[in-house]
Amino acid sequence: MDNVYSIRKATSDDLVFLAEVIIEAEKSGTDKLSLSTLFNVTESKVKEYIISMLDEEIDGCEFSVSSFLVVEYDKKPVAAFGGWIEGFEDEMSSQILKSNLISYTFDRENIQFLKSKAHLLKNILIDREDKSLQLEYLYVANEHRGKKLSNTLIEQHIINAKKLFPELKKVQVQVFKNNIGAIKTYQNNGFSIAKSFKADATEILDYLPFDEKYVMEKTL
């Protein structure tokens, strides 16, 4: 990575940038933001919700400030990637932590709308493997792509996780099948497709970027 780039852990000063990262990564190169479509709420409101969830400072899931590493260019954030060791903090799963944050933050009518669509998601919701490093929400600003920032973020997450948990054996990431660029990035970093999950209902395409998802993994 060039000398003008630096990598660091995210802080509470990054909340707005991290919310933008999550939104762009969640879209997976499409115009479908599941946090908007599945909760029947505007994208601007989703951004407010994400900032509120990050501000709770709950460790161990994709809505944790502590999960993110940030790349800066000339002291401005230009890339970020979330990552945490599943079930490492208090043995609680990231799914429970995420659900609790959503339930606490989103309005009741938003939650009810999600419940009305839950049947569409049953075959594409993926359990995260305990004591593995889970990566989620990779984003690099357009003008800084091609600089191998994704590689650097992946490598640094692994280094940090191994320091925290030397017994770590596996890194996993979930990616939609149609996100060819992301799949190639992970393959170039030693990941391979381990599992595939596909939704039954074609209606899911009204709410998600695609109807099939891969779990890609790398053994350490």
Protein backbone atom coordinates (compact mmCIF):
# COMPACT_ATOMS: atom_id res chain seq x y z
CA MET A 1 0.00 0.00 0.00
CA ASP A 2 1.35 3.45 -0.92
CA ASN A 3 2.74 5.65 1.83
CA VAL A 4 -0.20 8.06 1.40
CA TYR A 5 -2.54 5.29 2.59
CA SER A 6 -2.82 4.28 6.22
CA ILE A 7 -4.93 1.66 7.97
CA ARG A 8 -6.46 1.92 11.43
CA LYS A 9 -9.29 0.70 13.60
CA ALA A 10 -12.56 2.56 13.23
CA THR A 11 -13.64 4.97 15.95
CA SER A 12 -16.85 6.75 16.91
CA ASP A 13 -15.76 9.61 14.64
CA ASP A 14 -16.33 7.28 11.66
CA LEU A 15 -20.04 6.63 12.21
CA VAL A 16 -21.28 8.49 9.13
CA PHE A 17 -18.62 6.95 6.87
CA LEU A 18 -19.29 3.46 8.22
CA ALA A 19 -23.02 3.88 7.61
CA GLU A 20 -22.21 4.79 4.00
CA VAL A 21 -19.89 1.77 3.76
CA ILE A 22 -22.60 -0.58 5.03
CA ILE A 23 -25.19 0.83 2.63
CA GLU A 24 -22.93 0.57 -0.43
CA ALA A 25 -21.69 -2.91 0.48
CA GLU A 26 -25.21 -4.11 1.23
CA LYS A 27 -26.34 -3.06 -2.25
CA SER A 28 -23.70 -5.39 -3.70
CA GLY A 29 -23.38 -3.40 -6.91
CA THR A 30 -27.16 -3.09 -7.45
CA ASP A 31 -29.84 -0.58 -6.48
CA LYS A 32 -31.37 -2.98 -3.91
CA LEU A 33 -30.69 -2.02 -0.30
CA SER A 34 -32.18 -4.85 1.75
CA LEU A 35 -32.19 -2.77 4.93
CA SER A 36 -34.55 -0.46 3.07
CA THR A 37 -36.67 -2.89 1.04
CA LEU A 38 -37.13 -5.50 3.77
CA PHE A 39 -38.11 -2.91 6.36
CA ASN A 40 -40.10 -0.63 4.04
CA VAL A 41 -38.10 2.44 4.97
CA THR A 42 -36.22 5.08 2.96
CA GLU A 43 -32.48 4.86 2.41
CA SER A 44 -31.92 8.12 4.28
CA LYS A 45 -33.79 6.71 7.28
CA VAL A 46 -31.77 3.49 7.05
CA LYS A 47 -28.62 5.57 7.32
CA GLU A 48 -29.94 7.15 10.52
CA TYR A 49 -30.78 3.70 11.92
CA ILE A 50 -27.32 2.35 11.09
CA ILE A 51 -25.62 5.28 12.79
CA SER A 52 -27.79 4.69 15.86
CA MET A 53 -26.90 0.98 15.94
CA LEU A 54 -23.19 1.68 15.54
CA ASP A 55 -23.42 4.28 18.29
CA GLU A 56 -24.58 1.59 20.74
CA GLU A 57 -21.01 0.20 20.67
CA ILE A 58 -22.05 -3.46 20.81
CA ASP A 59 -19.06 -5.65 19.90
CA GLY A 60 -19.14 -8.82 17.84
CA CYS A 61 -21.39 -8.25 14.81
CA GLU A 62 -21.61 -6.37 11.53
CA PHE A 63 -23.05 -3.29 13.23
CA SER A 64 -20.10 -2.89 15.61
CA VAL A 65 -17.68 0.01 15.23
CA SER A 66 -15.03 -2.25 16.75
CA SER A 67 -15.47 -4.70 13.85
CA PHE A 68 -14.23 -2.24 11.24
CA LEU A 69 -10.83 -1.36 9.88
CA VAL A 70 -10.59 1.87 7.91
CA VAL A 71 -8.14 2.94 5.20
CA GLU A 72 -7.34 6.65 5.04
CA TYR A 73 -5.92 8.68 2.18
CA ASP A 74 -4.66 12.14 3.08
CA LYS A 75 -6.41 11.75 6.44
CA LYS A 76 -9.79 10.98 4.86
CA PRO A 77 -11.46 7.54 5.03
CA VAL A 78 -11.68 5.90 1.60
CA ALA A 79 -12.21 2.20 2.37
CA ALA A 80 -13.37 -0.05 5.18
CA PHE A 81 -14.08 -3.67 5.99
CA GLY A 82 -15.83 -5.21 8.97
CA GLY A 83 -14.63 -8.39 10.67
CA TRP A 84 -15.11 -10.18 13.99
CA ILE A 85 -14.54 -13.58 15.57
CA GLU A 86 -17.95 -15.21 15.73
CA GLY A 87 -19.11 -15.99 19.26
CA PHE A 88 -15.87 -14.75 20.80
CA GLU A 89 -17.39 -12.02 22.94
CA ASP A 90 -19.69 -13.43 25.64
CA GLU A 91 -20.37 -16.50 23.47
CA MET A 92 -23.36 -14.67 21.92
CA SER A 93 -23.93 -15.09 18.19
CA SER A 94 -23.70 -12.11 15.86
CA GLN A 95 -27.20 -12.92 14.61
CA ILE A 96 -28.65 -12.40 18.09
CA LEU A 97 -26.65 -9.21 18.57
CA LYS A 98 -27.75 -7.90 15.18
CA SER A 99 -31.40 -8.81 15.82
CA ASN A 100 -31.32 -7.10 19.20
CA LEU A 101 -29.88 -3.92 17.69
CA ILE A 102 -32.47 -3.88 14.92
CA SER A 103 -35.34 -4.52 17.34
CA TYR A 104 -34.10 -1.73 19.59
CA THR A 105 -33.54 0.78 16.77
CA PHE A 106 -36.09 0.26 14.00
CA ASP A 107 -39.71 1.37 14.44
CA ARG A 108 -42.33 -1.26 15.21
CA GLU A 109 -44.00 -0.98 11.81
CA ASN A 110 -40.63 -1.61 10.14
CA ILE A 111 -40.17 -4.79 12.16
CA GLN A 112 -43.67 -5.94 11.33
CA PHE A 113 -43.03 -5.43 7.62
CA LEU A 114 -39.88 -7.56 7.87
CA LYS A 115 -41.83 -10.32 9.60
CA SER A 116 -44.32 -10.32 6.72
CA LYS A 117 -41.43 -11.07 4.34
CA ALA A 118 -39.54 -13.53 6.56
CA HIS A 119 -40.75 -16.54 4.56
CA LEU A 120 -38.82 -15.27 1.55
CA LEU A 121 -35.54 -15.34 3.45
CA LYS A 122 -35.61 -18.75 5.10
CA ASN A 123 -33.32 -20.50 2.59
CA ILE A 124 -30.84 -17.67 2.22
CA LEU A 125 -30.17 -16.82 5.88
CA ILE A 126 -26.78 -18.32 6.68
CA ASP A 127 -25.57 -19.30 10.14
CA ARG A 128 -22.07 -18.07 10.91
CA GLU A 129 -19.51 -20.62 12.03
CA ASP A 130 -18.51 -20.33 15.67
CA LYS A 131 -14.96 -19.16 16.43
CA SER A 132 -14.28 -18.28 12.80
CA LEU A 133 -13.31 -14.84 11.54
CA GLN A 134 -16.34 -13.39 9.79
CA LEU A 135 -15.82 -10.61 7.23
CA GLU A 136 -18.68 -8.34 6.19
CA TYR A 137 -19.25 -5.03 4.40
CA LEU A 138 -16.22 -4.37 2.21
CA TYR A 139 -16.19 -1.02 0.46
CA VAL A 140 -13.52 0.93 -1.44
CA ALA A 141 -14.29 4.34 -2.92
CA ASN A 142 -14.28 4.25 -6.74
CA GLU A 143 -11.27 6.51 -7.19
CA HIS A 144 -9.16 4.31 -4.90
CA ARG A 145 -9.92 0.93 -6.45
CA GLY A 146 -7.09 -1.01 -8.06
CA LYS A 147 -4.73 -0.16 -5.19
CA LYS A 148 -5.07 -3.56 -3.48
CA LEU A 149 -6.77 -1.93 -0.48
CA SER A 150 -9.14 -4.91 -0.19
CA ASN A 151 -6.14 -7.27 0.09
CA THR A 152 -4.61 -5.09 2.78
CA LEU A 153 -7.82 -4.97 4.80
CA ILE A 154 -8.24 -8.75 4.62
CA GLU A 155 -4.63 -9.35 5.64
CA GLN A 156 -4.87 -6.93 8.57
CA HIS A 157 -8.11 -8.46 9.82
CA ILE A 158 -6.44 -11.89 9.87
CA ILE A 159 -3.37 -10.54 11.67
CA ASN A 160 -5.52 -8.82 14.31
CA ALA A 161 -7.76 -11.86 14.79
CA LYS A 162 -4.81 -14.23 15.17
CA LYS A 163 -3.32 -11.98 17.85
CA LEU A 164 -6.61 -12.03 19.72
CA PHE A 165 -7.34 -15.71 19.12
CA PRO A 166 -4.22 -17.73 18.11
CA GLU A 167 -6.34 -20.88 17.63
CA LEU A 168 -8.21 -19.25 14.73
CA LYS A 169 -8.43 -21.72 11.83
CA LYS A 170 -10.89 -20.25 9.33
CA VAL A 171 -12.01 -17.00 7.69
CA GLN A 172 -15.41 -16.75 6.01
CA VAL A 173 -17.27 -14.18 3.97
CA GLN A 174 -20.77 -14.20 2.48
CA VAL A 175 -21.22 -12.83 -1.03
CA PHE A 176 -24.06 -12.73 -3.55
CA LYS A 177 -23.42 -14.95 -6.58
CA ASN A 178 -23.85 -12.06 -9.02
CA ASN A 179 -21.11 -9.98 -7.33
CA ILE A 180 -18.39 -11.23 -9.66
CA GLY A 181 -15.87 -8.54 -8.71
CA ALA A 182 -16.06 -9.37 -5.01
CA ILE A 183 -15.83 -13.11 -5.69
CA LYS A 184 -12.65 -12.58 -7.74
CA THR A 185 -11.16 -10.41 -5.00
CA TYR A 186 -11.71 -13.12 -2.40
CA GLN A 187 -10.43 -15.85 -4.71
CA ASN A 188 -7.27 -13.81 -5.30
CA ASN A 189 -6.84 -13.73 -1.52
CA GLY A 190 -7.05 -17.51 -1.14
CA PHE A 191 -10.79 -17.93 -0.56
CA SER A 192 -12.83 -20.66 -2.23
CA ILE A 193 -16.59 -21.25 -2.47
CA ALA A 194 -17.60 -23.62 0.34
CA LYS A 195 -21.41 -23.50 0.24
CA SER A 196 -24.24 -22.06 -1.82
CA PHE A 197 -27.66 -20.95 -0.59
CA LYS A 198 -30.57 -20.12 -2.89
CA ALA A 199 -33.97 -18.63 -2.11
CA ASP A 200 -37.04 -20.48 -3.40
CA ALA A 201 -39.28 -17.50 -4.14
CA THR A 202 -38.46 -15.30 -7.12
CA GLU A 203 -40.11 -12.44 -5.21
CA ILE A 204 -36.89 -12.22 -3.18
CA LEU A 205 -35.37 -10.27 -6.09
CA ASP A 206 -37.66 -7.38 -5.16
CA TYR A 207 -35.83 -7.14 -1.84
CA LEU A 208 -32.29 -8.48 -2.24
CA PRO A 209 -29.53 -7.89 -4.81
CA PHE A 210 -29.73 -11.56 -5.89
CA ASP A 211 -31.44 -14.82 -4.95
CA GLU A 212 -28.29 -16.89 -4.35
CA LYS A 213 -25.44 -16.43 -1.91
CA TYR A 214 -22.05 -18.07 -1.45
CA VAL A 215 -20.11 -18.73 1.70
CA MET A 216 -16.47 -18.35 0.75
CA GLU A 217 -13.76 -19.43 3.16
CA LYS A 218 -10.03 -19.54 3.70
CA THR A 219 -8.26 -21.98 6.00
CA LEU A 220 -5.39 -20.58 8.05
